[in-house]
């Protein structure tokens, strides 16, 4: 199909990128653009949509990765043209298993595995959170509206969904599987907590390959059962005390969800199913998703990644290779000096743990250092042949020190060679100090975990 925009340019639609509550988004012959074609019932709906789109164009979105409308479509079509992120794919490509796939686990690994999914979801949560911080809601989050590129950069399309929190609408604008129950039932308009529910449903399905509300019984019954489940009238599929809606589909939860992510899912689809105020917000999801990324360990046999606490690789059954737990802590040097004189351990506060395997470098990121999710990396960590190497990646010089032995201080600089030191099983005496030694600062401790056989 060809459509023409209000500037006179013709766009040849090639394939459907995704379908949402109001219409479909299509790729075009020109890789720079995508086109959304809406399904509106009448002229009154068209005029209402045009007014909303006009309001969207005035919203403060310049610094956010949101594809804004650049041209409207000419009649008889209703819709608009957006700029496209080159080579971007919809999140749907990671959470909807093609019907021709016989081995969902293998497909899961081949399409990026856990690291890609966790990273894309964490960045999506952050982007939606930025919208909420400006008093805006997205309105219709769905896997078709989230695009990611090869470097896991995330952007949102369908900007006409954006609005301030709304009252219940006579015309519901939603994607059924990813609408909060109160929105699906027409009892509520959209707000930050309905966005949070939609995100949680996307995250759960992307990681487990099964929808949190559509278990075996609901799927076997008629459409009314599905509608009832989406209104929150059935328990979620992993309810701890109610097994009416269990699902035999999807990946085992313990393989793809950390305890923190499991807890957030329980909050959202348990008490939060019908009580929006019981739902965790997007910041909690972002934090738990990044924590899950830091916990990943690559299998030395098949290279697929899984949580480091699993006894064997869940994808091939091989034993787990050796790895290092790099724990970012906060300490106070004055307290440390006092502890040295009294021969008692210095109190510390753990902030994050980064798993460093033998498959490649891991990093001390801004989120470990300052709490910011973005920015240049600070330190590179590599583990190979029983030795750990550390290297500064920014302009700062850090200090590698043996505990309570300042004469062994080693500077870790950006221009110098990586500093290497051997590790024996257990906690290392070496610490990487990320700040001035004379006061409170962050440091990284290292703990070598030996190889485990199945």
Foldseek 3Di string as FASTA:
>chain_A
DWWAWPVGDIWAFDDWQDAKQFFTKTQTPDQFKIWTWGDDDDPVRLVVLVVLLVVLVPDPCPPAQEWHFDTFIDPPTGTGMTTDDGQKHFLCCQQADDPVDPDVLVVNQVVPHQLLLLLLLLQVLVRQVVQVVVQKHQFEDDSSQWIAHPVSDIHGYPSSSMDHADFQDPDQGYGQLQFQLCSLVSNGGDHQLRRLSSSLQSSVSSQFSDGFQAADVLVVDDPVSVSCSSNVNDQTQVPPPDNPRHHPDTDDCQWRADPQSVVQSCQCRPVVSPPSVSHDGSVSSSVRSVLQSQQWDAAPPPRHITGPVDQANPSPRWWHAKKKKKWKKKFWLVQLVVCVVVVHDGDIGTDGIGIAYQPDKDFQACCSAPNDPDDDTAKIWHDDPQKIWIAGCDQDWKWKDFRPDVVPIDIHGHPDDTDMDGDDAAWGRIKIWPDDSNTIGMIITMHMDHIHGD
